[in-house]
Amino acid sequence: MSVVKINVLTVPAEQREVLEKRFAARASAVEGSDGFEEFELLRPVEGTDQYLVYTRWRDEQSFQAWLKGPMRAAHQGGGEGGERPKPAATGSTLWSFEVVQHVGPKSA
């Protein structure tokens, strides 16, 4: 059964562009991971400063393996002088779900 992980990131308005550019720059870091199924970065449009980072995985073990390997490496990136850049988000919360029902588009 697939699992969904949603990372809720609180991002001040002045950091939105920074966050989106960072995600775009490392989009391929998750694509090749074993068990990875889907990714979406959702930008808030009104009433909140929280972005949602949606990922879907074959199972919990696949997600945990990505956390301990590729994700950790992606977040180690160095900025100027080899220092890690300041986070764009001021807070984060991870939500976890099991997919119990899924409906895709109808085939023609």
PDB file of N, CA and C in Angstrom:
ATOM      1  N   MET A   1       0.835  -1.169   0.000  1.00  0.00           N
ATOM      2  CA  MET A   1       0.000   0.000   0.000  1.00  0.00           C
ATOM      3  C   MET A   1       0.888   1.244   0.000  1.00  0.00           C
ATOM      4  N   SER A   2       0.623   2.181  -0.892  1.00  0.00           N
ATOM      5  CA  SER A   2       1.399   3.416  -0.976  1.00  0.00           C
ATOM      6  C   SER A   2       1.212   4.266   0.268  1.00  0.00           C
ATOM      7  N   VAL A   3       2.242   5.079   0.554  1.00  0.00           N
ATOM      8  CA  VAL A   3       2.159   6.050   1.634  1.00  0.00           C
ATOM      9  C   VAL A   3       2.411   7.440   1.062  1.00  0.00           C
ATOM     10  N   VAL A   4       1.780   8.422   1.679  1.00  0.00           N
ATOM     11  CA  VAL A   4       1.948   9.821   1.292  1.00  0.00           C
ATOM     12  C   VAL A   4       2.567  10.556   2.463  1.00  0.00           C
ATOM     13  N   LYS A   5       3.569  11.371   2.158  1.00  0.00           N
ATOM     14  CA  LYS A   5       4.210  12.226   3.146  1.00  0.00           C
ATOM     15  C   LYS A   5       4.009  13.658   2.675  1.00  0.00           C
ATOM     16  N   ILE A   6       3.465  14.481   3.542  1.00  0.00           N
ATOM     17  CA  ILE A   6       3.265  15.889   3.223  1.00  0.00           C
ATOM     18  C   ILE A   6       4.049  16.705   4.242  1.00  0.00           C
ATOM     19  N   ASN A   7       5.054  17.403   3.743  1.00  0.00           N
ATOM     20  CA  ASN A   7       5.845  18.279   4.585  1.00  0.00           C
ATOM     21  C   ASN A   7       5.222  19.668   4.492  1.00  0.00           C
ATOM     22  N   VAL A   8       4.738  20.179   5.608  1.00  0.00           N
ATOM     23  CA  VAL A   8       4.106  21.491   5.669  1.00  0.00           C
ATOM     24  C   VAL A   8       5.182  22.495   6.069  1.00  0.00           C
ATOM     25  N   LEU A   9       5.541  23.382   5.129  1.00  0.00           N
ATOM     26  CA  LEU A   9       6.610  24.347   5.353  1.00  0.00           C
ATOM     27  C   LEU A   9       6.048  25.751   5.520  1.00  0.00           C
ATOM     28  N   THR A  10       6.373  26.387   6.629  1.00  0.00           N
ATOM     29  CA  THR A  10       5.994  27.779   6.839  1.00  0.00           C
ATOM     30  C   THR A  10       7.071  28.639   6.193  1.00  0.00           C
ATOM     31  N   VAL A  11       6.662  29.437   5.196  1.00  0.00           N
ATOM     32  CA  VAL A  11       7.626  30.207   4.396  1.00  0.00           C
ATOM     33  C   VAL A  11       7.197  31.677   4.353  1.00  0.00           C
ATOM     34  N   PRO A  12       8.023  32.567   4.916  1.00  0.00           N
ATOM     35  CA  PRO A  12       7.705  33.993   4.827  1.00  0.00           C
ATOM     36  C   PRO A  12       7.671  34.440   3.360  1.00  0.00           C
ATOM     37  N   ALA A  13       6.861  35.451   3.069  1.00  0.00           N
ATOM     38  CA  ALA A  13       6.679  35.930   1.692  1.00  0.00           C
ATOM     39  C   ALA A  13       8.000  36.232   1.000  1.00  0.00           C
ATOM     40  N   GLU A  14       8.948  36.815   1.714  1.00  0.00           N
ATOM     41  CA  GLU A  14      10.223  37.193   1.098  1.00  0.00           C
ATOM     42  C   GLU A  14      11.118  35.987   0.783  1.00  0.00           C
ATOM     43  N   GLN A  15      10.749  34.797   1.258  1.00  0.00           N
ATOM     44  CA  GLN A  15      11.547  33.590   1.014  1.00  0.00           C
ATOM     45  C   GLN A  15      10.902  32.635   0.009  1.00  0.00           C
ATOM     46  N   ARG A  16       9.716  32.960  -0.492  1.00  0.00           N
ATOM     47  CA  ARG A  16       9.008  32.056  -1.411  1.00  0.00           C
ATOM     48  C   ARG A  16       9.833  31.734  -2.656  1.00  0.00           C
ATOM     49  N   GLU A  17      10.368  32.760  -3.293  1.00  0.00           N
ATOM     50  CA  GLU A  17      11.139  32.545  -4.518  1.00  0.00           C
ATOM     51  C   GLU A  17      12.377  31.691  -4.237  1.00  0.00           C
ATOM     52  N   VAL A  18      13.021  31.929  -3.104  1.00  0.00           N
ATOM     53  CA  VAL A  18      14.199  31.145  -2.708  1.00  0.00           C
ATOM     54  C   VAL A  18      13.824  29.676  -2.573  1.00  0.00           C
ATOM     55  N   LEU A  19      12.739  29.407  -1.859  1.00  0.00           N
ATOM     56  CA  LEU A  19      12.292  28.023  -1.656  1.00  0.00           C
ATOM     57  C   LEU A  19      12.001  27.342  -2.991  1.00  0.00           C
ATOM     58  N   GLU A  20      11.257  28.003  -3.860  1.00  0.00           N
ATOM     59  CA  GLU A  20      10.879  27.396  -5.140  1.00  0.00           C
ATOM     60  C   GLU A  20      12.104  27.134  -6.015  1.00  0.00           C
ATOM     61  N   LYS A  21      13.058  28.045  -6.012  1.00  0.00           N
ATOM     62  CA  LYS A  21      14.283  27.832  -6.800  1.00  0.00           C
ATOM     63  C   LYS A  21      15.085  26.660  -6.250  1.00  0.00           C
ATOM     64  N   ARG A  22      15.155  26.523  -4.938  1.00  0.00           N
ATOM     65  CA  ARG A  22      15.896  25.406  -4.343  1.00  0.00           C
ATOM     66  C   ARG A  22      15.255  24.071  -4.706  1.00  0.00           C
ATOM     67  N   PHE A  23      13.930  24.010  -4.654  1.00  0.00           N
ATOM     68  CA  PHE A  23      13.262  22.760  -5.024  1.00  0.00           C
ATOM     69  C   PHE A  23      13.485  22.444  -6.498  1.00  0.00           C
ATOM     70  N   ALA A  24      13.410  23.457  -7.359  1.00  0.00           N
ATOM     71  CA  ALA A  24      13.621  23.249  -8.797  1.00  0.00           C
ATOM     72  C   ALA A  24      15.039  22.750  -9.067  1.00  0.00           C
ATOM     73  N   ALA A  25      16.006  23.268  -8.333  1.00  0.00           N
ATOM     74  CA  ALA A  25      17.408  22.902  -8.550  1.00  0.00           C
ATOM     75  C   ALA A  25      17.712  21.469  -8.158  1.00  0.00           C
ATOM     76  N   ARG A  26      16.948  20.913  -7.243  1.00  0.00           N
ATOM     77  CA  ARG A  26      17.232  19.538  -6.820  1.00  0.00           C
ATOM     78  C   ARG A  26      16.069  18.576  -7.069  1.00  0.00           C
ATOM     79  N   ALA A  27      15.260  18.906  -8.063  1.00  0.00           N
ATOM     80  CA  ALA A  27      14.105  18.070  -8.402  1.00  0.00           C
ATOM     81  C   ALA A  27      14.505  16.637  -8.703  1.00  0.00           C
ATOM     82  N   SER A  28      15.650  16.447  -9.329  1.00  0.00           N
ATOM     83  CA  SER A  28      16.069  15.093  -9.714  1.00  0.00           C
ATOM     84  C   SER A  28      16.575  14.276  -8.528  1.00  0.00           C
ATOM     85  N   ALA A  29      16.767  14.902  -7.376  1.00  0.00           N
ATOM     86  CA  ALA A  29      17.304  14.182  -6.216  1.00  0.00           C
ATOM     87  C   ALA A  29      16.360  13.092  -5.717  1.00  0.00           C
ATOM     88  N   VAL A  30      15.071  13.236  -5.968  1.00  0.00           N
ATOM     89  CA  VAL A  30      14.109  12.251  -5.481  1.00  0.00           C
ATOM     90  C   VAL A  30      13.640  11.307  -6.588  1.00  0.00           C
ATOM     91  N   GLU A  31      13.662  11.756  -7.829  1.00  0.00           N
ATOM     92  CA  GLU A  31      13.074  10.997  -8.940  1.00  0.00           C
ATOM     93  C   GLU A  31      13.606   9.580  -9.097  1.00  0.00           C
ATOM     94  N   GLY A  32      14.880   9.378  -8.878  1.00  0.00           N
ATOM     95  CA  GLY A  32      15.464   8.063  -9.090  1.00  0.00           C
ATOM     96  C   GLY A  32      15.452   7.156  -7.870  1.00  0.00           C
ATOM     97  N   SER A  33      14.852   7.620  -6.791  1.00  0.00           N
ATOM     98  CA  SER A  33      14.856   6.844  -5.548  1.00  0.00           C
ATOM     99  C   SER A  33      13.938   5.628  -5.640  1.00  0.00           C
ATOM    100  N   ASP A  34      14.420   4.512  -5.151  1.00  0.00           N
ATOM    101  CA  ASP A  34      13.629   3.289  -5.146  1.00  0.00           C
ATOM    102  C   ASP A  34      12.344   3.495  -4.356  1.00  0.00           C
ATOM    103  N   GLY A  35      11.222   3.167  -4.950  1.00  0.00           N
ATOM    104  CA  GLY A  35       9.938   3.270  -4.280  1.00  0.00           C
ATOM    105  C   GLY A  35       9.259   4.623  -4.429  1.00  0.00           C
ATOM    106  N   PHE A  36       9.939   5.597  -5.037  1.00  0.00           N
ATOM    107  CA  PHE A  36       9.343   6.919  -5.244  1.00  0.00           C
ATOM    108  C   PHE A  36       8.259   6.829  -6.308  1.00  0.00           C
ATOM    109  N   GLU A  37       7.106   7.462  -6.053  1.00  0.00           N
ATOM    110  CA  GLU A  37       6.007   7.440  -7.008  1.00  0.00           C
ATOM    111  C   GLU A  37       5.590   8.819  -7.512  1.00  0.00           C
ATOM    112  N   GLU A  38       5.631   9.848  -6.663  1.00  0.00           N
ATOM    113  CA  GLU A  38       5.117  11.148  -7.105  1.00  0.00           C
ATOM    114  C   GLU A  38       5.602  12.263  -6.187  1.00  0.00           C
ATOM    115  N   PHE A  39       5.741  13.467  -6.762  1.00  0.00           N
ATOM    116  CA  PHE A  39       6.127  14.666  -6.020  1.00  0.00           C
ATOM    117  C   PHE A  39       5.338  15.861  -6.530  1.00  0.00           C
ATOM    118  N   GLU A  40       4.925  16.735  -5.623  1.00  0.00           N
ATOM    119  CA  GLU A  40       4.327  18.020  -5.981  1.00  0.00           C
ATOM    120  C   GLU A  40       4.714  19.045  -4.920  1.00  0.00           C
ATOM    121  N   LEU A  41       5.085  20.242  -5.363  1.00  0.00           N
ATOM    122  CA  LEU A  41       5.302  21.377  -4.471  1.00  0.00           C
ATOM    123  C   LEU A  41       4.098  22.286  -4.650  1.00  0.00           C
ATOM    124  N   LEU A  42       3.333  22.495  -3.594  1.00  0.00           N
ATOM    125  CA  LEU A  42       2.097  23.269  -3.669  1.00  0.00           C
ATOM    126  C   LEU A  42       2.296  24.635  -3.016  1.00  0.00           C
ATOM    127  N   ARG A  43       2.115  25.696  -3.814  1.00  0.00           N
ATOM    128  CA  ARG A  43       2.263  27.080  -3.344  1.00  0.00           C
ATOM    129  C   ARG A  43       0.921  27.581  -2.805  1.00  0.00           C
ATOM    130  N   PRO A  44       0.931  28.215  -1.636  1.00  0.00           N
ATOM    131  CA  PRO A  44      -0.326  28.763  -1.114  1.00  0.00           C
ATOM    132  C   PRO A  44      -0.790  29.942  -1.968  1.00  0.00           C
ATOM    133  N   VAL A  45      -2.096  30.080  -2.131  1.00  0.00           N
ATOM    134  CA  VAL A  45      -2.621  31.175  -2.936  1.00  0.00           C
ATOM    135  C   VAL A  45      -3.371  32.209  -2.106  1.00  0.00           C
ATOM    136  N   GLU A  46      -3.846  31.827  -0.939  1.00  0.00           N
ATOM    137  CA  GLU A  46      -4.520  32.811  -0.093  1.00  0.00           C
ATOM    138  C   GLU A  46      -4.651  32.311   1.337  1.00  0.00           C
ATOM    139  N   GLY A  47      -4.495  33.234   2.269  1.00  0.00           N
ATOM    140  CA  GLY A  47      -4.802  32.938   3.658  1.00  0.00           C
ATOM    141  C   GLY A  47      -3.786  32.141   4.455  1.00  0.00           C
ATOM    142  N   THR A  48      -2.641  31.795   3.868  1.00  0.00           N
ATOM    143  CA  THR A  48      -1.652  31.026   4.625  1.00  0.00           C
ATOM    144  C   THR A  48      -0.260  31.270   4.048  1.00  0.00           C
ATOM    145  N   ASP A  49       0.736  31.003   4.859  1.00  0.00           N
ATOM    146  CA  ASP A  49       2.119  31.090   4.401  1.00  0.00           C
ATOM    147  C   ASP A  49       2.757  29.707   4.361  1.00  0.00           C
ATOM    148  N   GLN A  50       1.918  28.679   4.274  1.00  0.00           N
ATOM    149  CA  GLN A  50       2.411  27.302   4.302  1.00  0.00           C
ATOM    150  C   GLN A  50       2.380  26.654   2.920  1.00  0.00           C
ATOM    151  N   TYR A  51       3.560  26.203   2.497  1.00  0.00           N
ATOM    152  CA  TYR A  51       3.702  25.379   1.297  1.00  0.00           C
ATOM    153  C   TYR A  51       3.484  23.928   1.704  1.00  0.00           C
ATOM    154  N   LEU A  52       2.984  23.120   0.787  1.00  0.00           N
ATOM    155  CA  LEU A  52       2.864  21.684   1.016  1.00  0.00           C
ATOM    156  C   LEU A  52       3.784  20.966   0.043  1.00  0.00           C
ATOM    157  N   VAL A  53       4.624  20.104   0.568  1.00  0.00           N
ATOM    158  CA  VAL A  53       5.516  19.282  -0.247  1.00  0.00           C
ATOM    159  C   VAL A  53       4.944  17.865  -0.191  1.00  0.00           C
ATOM    160  N   TYR A  54       4.331  17.451  -1.291  1.00  0.00           N
ATOM    161  CA  TYR A  54       3.626  16.167  -1.376  1.00  0.00           C
ATOM    162  C   TYR A  54       4.532  15.141  -2.035  1.00  0.00           C
ATOM    163  N   THR A  55       4.780  14.044  -1.341  1.00  0.00           N
ATOM    164  CA  THR A  55       5.479  12.919  -1.966  1.00  0.00           C
ATOM    165  C   THR A  55       4.686  11.646  -1.695  1.00  0.00           C
ATOM    166  N   ARG A  56       4.741  10.744  -2.673  1.00  0.00           N
ATOM    167  CA  ARG A  56       4.054   9.455  -2.552  1.00  0.00           C
ATOM    168  C   ARG A  56       5.091   8.376  -2.783  1.00  0.00           C
ATOM    169  N   TRP A  57       5.042   7.338  -1.947  1.00  0.00           N
ATOM    170  CA  TRP A  57       6.033   6.262  -1.939  1.00  0.00           C
ATOM    171  C   TRP A  57       5.354   4.907  -1.973  1.00  0.00           C
ATOM    172  N   ARG A  58       6.058   3.926  -2.504  1.00  0.00           N
ATOM    173  CA  ARG A  58       5.544   2.556  -2.563  1.00  0.00           C
ATOM    174  C   ARG A  58       5.207   2.045  -1.164  1.00  0.00           C
ATOM    175  N   ASP A  59       6.064   2.369  -0.189  1.00  0.00           N
ATOM    176  CA  ASP A  59       5.865   1.911   1.184  1.00  0.00           C
ATOM    177  C   ASP A  59       6.714   2.762   2.131  1.00  0.00           C
ATOM    178  N   GLU A  60       6.499   2.586   3.416  1.00  0.00           N
ATOM    179  CA  GLU A  60       7.219   3.350   4.436  1.00  0.00           C
ATOM    180  C   GLU A  60       8.722   3.099   4.377  1.00  0.00           C
ATOM    181  N   GLN A  61       9.126   1.877   4.086  1.00  0.00           N
ATOM    182  CA  GLN A  61      10.552   1.541   4.016  1.00  0.00           C
ATOM    183  C   GLN A  61      11.259   2.342   2.920  1.00  0.00           C
ATOM    184  N   SER A  62      10.601   2.534   1.786  1.00  0.00           N
ATOM    185  CA  SER A  62      11.188   3.316   0.692  1.00  0.00           C
ATOM    186  C   SER A  62      11.397   4.761   1.125  1.00  0.00           C
ATOM    187  N   PHE A  63      10.407   5.322   1.799  1.00  0.00           N
ATOM    188  CA  PHE A  63      10.531   6.700   2.280  1.00  0.00           C
ATOM    189  C   PHE A  63      11.672   6.813   3.288  1.00  0.00           C
ATOM    190  N   GLN A  64      11.752   5.886   4.224  1.00  0.00           N
ATOM    191  CA  GLN A  64      12.799   5.938   5.242  1.00  0.00           C
ATOM    192  C   GLN A  64      14.190   5.801   4.620  1.00  0.00           C
ATOM    193  N   ALA A  65      14.320   4.947   3.607  1.00  0.00           N
ATOM    194  CA  ALA A  65      15.611   4.786   2.922  1.00  0.00           C
ATOM    195  C   ALA A  65      16.010   6.087   2.228  1.00  0.00           C
ATOM    196  N   TRP A  66      15.045   6.778   1.627  1.00  0.00           N
ATOM    197  CA  TRP A  66      15.327   8.058   0.976  1.00  0.00           C
ATOM    198  C   TRP A  66      15.744   9.112   2.007  1.00  0.00           C
ATOM    199  N   LEU A  67      15.057   9.121   3.162  1.00  0.00           N
ATOM    200  CA  LEU A  67      15.402  10.073   4.225  1.00  0.00           C
ATOM    201  C   LEU A  67      16.852   9.915   4.674  1.00  0.00           C
ATOM    202  N   LYS A  68      17.283   8.678   4.804  1.00  0.00           N
ATOM    203  CA  LYS A  68      18.623   8.402   5.338  1.00  0.00           C
ATOM    204  C   LYS A  68      19.725   8.548   4.303  1.00  0.00           C
ATOM    205  N   GLY A  69      19.358   8.557   3.017  1.00  0.00           N
ATOM    206  CA  GLY A  69      20.370   8.638   1.967  1.00  0.00           C
ATOM    207  C   GLY A  69      20.233   9.892   1.121  1.00  0.00           C
ATOM    208  N   PRO A  70      19.511   9.804  -0.014  1.00  0.00           N
ATOM    209  CA  PRO A  70      19.434  10.920  -0.952  1.00  0.00           C
ATOM    210  C   PRO A  70      18.910  12.230  -0.349  1.00  0.00           C
ATOM    211  N   MET A  71      17.906  12.175   0.518  1.00  0.00           N
ATOM    212  CA  MET A  71      17.364  13.410   1.098  1.00  0.00           C
ATOM    213  C   MET A  71      18.412  14.091   1.964  1.00  0.00           C
ATOM    214  N   ARG A  72      19.088  13.331   2.769  1.00  0.00           N
ATOM    215  CA  ARG A  72      20.125  13.899   3.635  1.00  0.00           C
ATOM    216  C   ARG A  72      21.217  14.556   2.795  1.00  0.00           C
ATOM    217  N   ALA A  73      21.614  13.897   1.720  1.00  0.00           N
ATOM    218  CA  ALA A  73      22.653  14.441   0.831  1.00  0.00           C
ATOM    219  C   ALA A  73      22.172  15.717   0.148  1.00  0.00           C
ATOM    220  N   ALA A  74      20.911  15.754  -0.286  1.00  0.00           N
ATOM    221  CA  ALA A  74      20.374  16.935  -0.965  1.00  0.00           C
ATOM    222  C   ALA A  74      20.350  18.150  -0.044  1.00  0.00           C
ATOM    223  N   HIS A  75      20.115  17.919   1.234  1.00  0.00           N
ATOM    224  CA  HIS A  75      20.040  19.023   2.186  1.00  0.00           C
ATOM    225  C   HIS A  75      21.410  19.421   2.746  1.00  0.00           C
ATOM    226  N   GLN A  76      22.469  18.739   2.339  1.00  0.00           N
ATOM    227  CA  GLN A  76      23.816  19.065   2.790  1.00  0.00           C
ATOM    228  C   GLN A  76      24.491  20.079   1.892  1.00  0.00           C
ATOM    229  N   GLY A  77      23.816  20.465   0.793  1.00  0.00           N
ATOM    230  CA  GLY A  77      24.418  21.351  -0.199  1.00  0.00           C
ATOM    231  C   GLY A  77      25.064  22.576   0.409  1.00  0.00           C
ATOM    232  N   GLY A  78      26.190  22.954  -0.132  1.00  0.00           N
ATOM    233  CA  GLY A  78      26.907  24.109   0.391  1.00  0.00           C
ATOM    234  C   GLY A  78      26.553  25.378  -0.349  1.00  0.00           C
ATOM    235  N   GLY A  79      26.569  26.462   0.368  1.00  0.00           N
ATOM    236  CA  GLY A  79      26.364  27.777  -0.225  1.00  0.00           C
ATOM    237  C   GLY A  79      27.717  28.422  -0.469  1.00  0.00           C
ATOM    238  N   GLU A  80      27.773  29.729  -0.364  1.00  0.00           N
ATOM    239  CA  GLU A  80      29.024  30.449  -0.558  1.00  0.00           C
ATOM    240  C   GLU A  80      30.010  30.031   0.527  1.00  0.00           C
ATOM    241  N   GLY A  81      31.250  29.801   0.130  1.00  0.00           N
ATOM    242  CA  GLY A  81      32.270  29.413   1.094  1.00  0.00           C
ATOM    243  C   GLY A  81      32.067  28.026   1.653  1.00  0.00           C
ATOM    244  N   GLY A  82      31.209  27.219   1.005  1.00  0.00           N
ATOM    245  CA  GLY A  82      30.969  25.858   1.470  1.00  0.00           C
ATOM    246  C   GLY A  82      30.010  25.775   2.640  1.00  0.00           C
ATOM    247  N   GLU A  83      29.456  26.924   3.060  1.00  0.00           N
ATOM    248  CA  GLU A  83      28.507  26.916   4.166  1.00  0.00           C
ATOM    249  C   GLU A  83      27.122  26.536   3.664  1.00  0.00           C
ATOM    250  N   ARG A  84      26.382  25.890   4.533  1.00  0.00           N
ATOM    251  CA  ARG A  84      25.019  25.508   4.199  1.00  0.00           C
ATOM    252  C   ARG A  84      24.143  26.766   4.175  1.00  0.00           C
ATOM    253  N   PRO A  85      23.308  26.949   3.120  1.00  0.00           N
ATOM    254  CA  PRO A  85      22.480  28.157   3.045  1.00  0.00           C
ATOM    255  C   PRO A  85      21.423  28.193   4.151  1.00  0.00           C
ATOM    256  N   LYS A  86      21.013  29.391   4.515  1.00  0.00           N
ATOM    257  CA  LYS A  86      19.968  29.578   5.513  1.00  0.00           C
ATOM    258  C   LYS A  86      18.666  28.966   5.006  1.00  0.00           C
ATOM    259  N   PRO A  87      17.931  28.246   5.848  1.00  0.00           N
ATOM    260  CA  PRO A  87      16.656  27.668   5.398  1.00  0.00           C
ATOM    261  C   PRO A  87      15.677  28.751   4.956  1.00  0.00           C
ATOM    262  N   ALA A  88      14.904  28.459   3.921  1.00  0.00           N
ATOM    263  CA  ALA A  88      13.878  29.392   3.447  1.00  0.00           C
ATOM    264  C   ALA A  88      12.631  29.296   4.318  1.00  0.00           C
ATOM    265  N   ALA A  89      12.399  28.136   4.907  1.00  0.00           N
ATOM    266  CA  ALA A  89      11.232  27.926   5.762  1.00  0.00           C
ATOM    267  C   ALA A  89      11.588  28.232   7.217  1.00  0.00           C
ATOM    268  N   THR A  90      10.607  28.750   7.939  1.00  0.00           N
ATOM    269  CA  THR A  90      10.817  29.033   9.357  1.00  0.00           C
ATOM    270  C   THR A  90      10.297  27.911  10.246  1.00  0.00           C
ATOM    271  N   GLY A  91       9.637  26.927   9.655  1.00  0.00           N
ATOM    272  CA  GLY A  91       9.130  25.795  10.412  1.00  0.00           C
ATOM    273  C   GLY A  91       8.620  24.724   9.479  1.00  0.00           C
ATOM    274  N   SER A  92       8.519  23.507   9.997  1.00  0.00           N
ATOM    275  CA  SER A  92       7.975  22.420   9.181  1.00  0.00           C
ATOM    276  C   SER A  92       7.324  21.368  10.067  1.00  0.00           C
ATOM    277  N   THR A  93       6.335  20.704   9.482  1.00  0.00           N
ATOM    278  CA  THR A  93       5.626  19.611  10.132  1.00  0.00           C
ATOM    279  C   THR A  93       5.441  18.518   9.085  1.00  0.00           C
ATOM    280  N   LEU A  94       5.670  17.269   9.458  1.00  0.00           N
ATOM    281  CA  LEU A  94       5.486  16.165   8.516  1.00  0.00           C
ATOM    282  C   LEU A  94       4.191  15.424   8.835  1.00  0.00           C
ATOM    283  N   TRP A  95       3.324  15.344   7.824  1.00  0.00           N
ATOM    284  CA  TRP A  95       2.095  14.571   7.929  1.00  0.00           C
ATOM    285  C   TRP A  95       2.303  13.259   7.180  1.00  0.00           C
ATOM    286  N   SER A  96       1.772  12.156   7.715  1.00  0.00           N
ATOM    287  CA  SER A  96       1.903  10.839   7.081  1.00  0.00           C
ATOM    288  C   SER A  96       0.522  10.220   6.884  1.00  0.00           C
ATOM    289  N   PHE A  97       0.344   9.607   5.709  1.00  0.00           N
ATOM    290  CA  PHE A  97      -0.930   8.989   5.363  1.00  0.00           C
ATOM    291  C   PHE A  97      -0.687   7.684   4.614  1.00  0.00           C
ATOM    292  N   GLU A  98      -1.636   6.752   4.717  1.00  0.00           N
ATOM    293  CA  GLU A  98      -1.674   5.569   3.860  1.00  0.00           C
ATOM    294  C   GLU A  98      -2.745   5.828   2.809  1.00  0.00           C
ATOM    295  N   VAL A  99      -2.471   5.433   1.581  1.00  0.00           N
ATOM    296  CA  VAL A  99      -3.460   5.583   0.521  1.00  0.00           C
ATOM    297  C   VAL A  99      -4.438   4.420   0.614  1.00  0.00           C
ATOM    298  N   VAL A 100      -5.711   4.741   0.885  1.00  0.00           N
ATOM    299  CA  VAL A 100      -6.713   3.689   0.983  1.00  0.00           C
ATOM    300  C   VAL A 100      -7.646   3.681  -0.226  1.00  0.00           C
ATOM    301  N   GLN A 101      -7.628   4.766  -0.983  1.00  0.00           N
ATOM    302  CA  GLN A 101      -8.411   4.814  -2.211  1.00  0.00           C
ATOM    303  C   GLN A 101      -7.758   5.817  -3.148  1.00  0.00           C
ATOM    304  N   HIS A 102      -7.714   5.470  -4.422  1.00  0.00           N
ATOM    305  CA  HIS A 102      -7.125   6.347  -5.433  1.00  0.00           C
ATOM    306  C   HIS A 102      -7.961   6.256  -6.706  1.00  0.00           C
ATOM    307  N   VAL A 103      -8.289   7.400  -7.277  1.00  0.00           N
ATOM    308  CA  VAL A 103      -9.016   7.457  -8.536  1.00  0.00           C
ATOM    309  C   VAL A 103      -8.216   8.318  -9.497  1.00  0.00           C
ATOM    310  N   GLY A 104      -7.908   7.783 -10.660  1.00  0.00           N
ATOM    311  CA  GLY A 104      -7.217   8.541 -11.696  1.00  0.00           C
ATOM    312  C   GLY A 104      -8.181   8.914 -12.790  1.00  0.00           C
ATOM    313  N   PRO A 105      -7.695   9.610 -13.811  1.00  0.00           N
ATOM    314  CA  PRO A 105      -8.561   9.992 -14.923  1.00  0.00           C
ATOM    315  C   PRO A 105      -9.095   8.757 -15.661  1.00  0.00           C
ATOM    316  N   LYS A 106     -10.291   8.887 -16.221  1.00  0.00           N
ATOM    317  CA  LYS A 106     -10.871   7.794 -17.017  1.00  0.00           C
ATOM    318  C   LYS A 106     -10.106   7.650 -18.311  1.00  0.00           C
ATOM    319  N   SER A 107      -9.937   6.416 -18.750  1.00  0.00           N
ATOM    320  CA  SER A 107      -9.316   6.164 -20.054  1.00  0.00           C
ATOM    321  C   SER A 107     -10.346   6.419 -21.138  1.00  0.00           C
ATOM    322  N   ALA A 108      -9.882   6.960 -22.247  1.00  0.00           N
ATOM    323  CA  ALA A 108     -10.801   7.257 -23.368  1.00  0.00           C
ATOM    324  C   ALA A 108     -11.185   6.019 -24.133  1.00  0.00           C
TER     325      ALA A 108
END
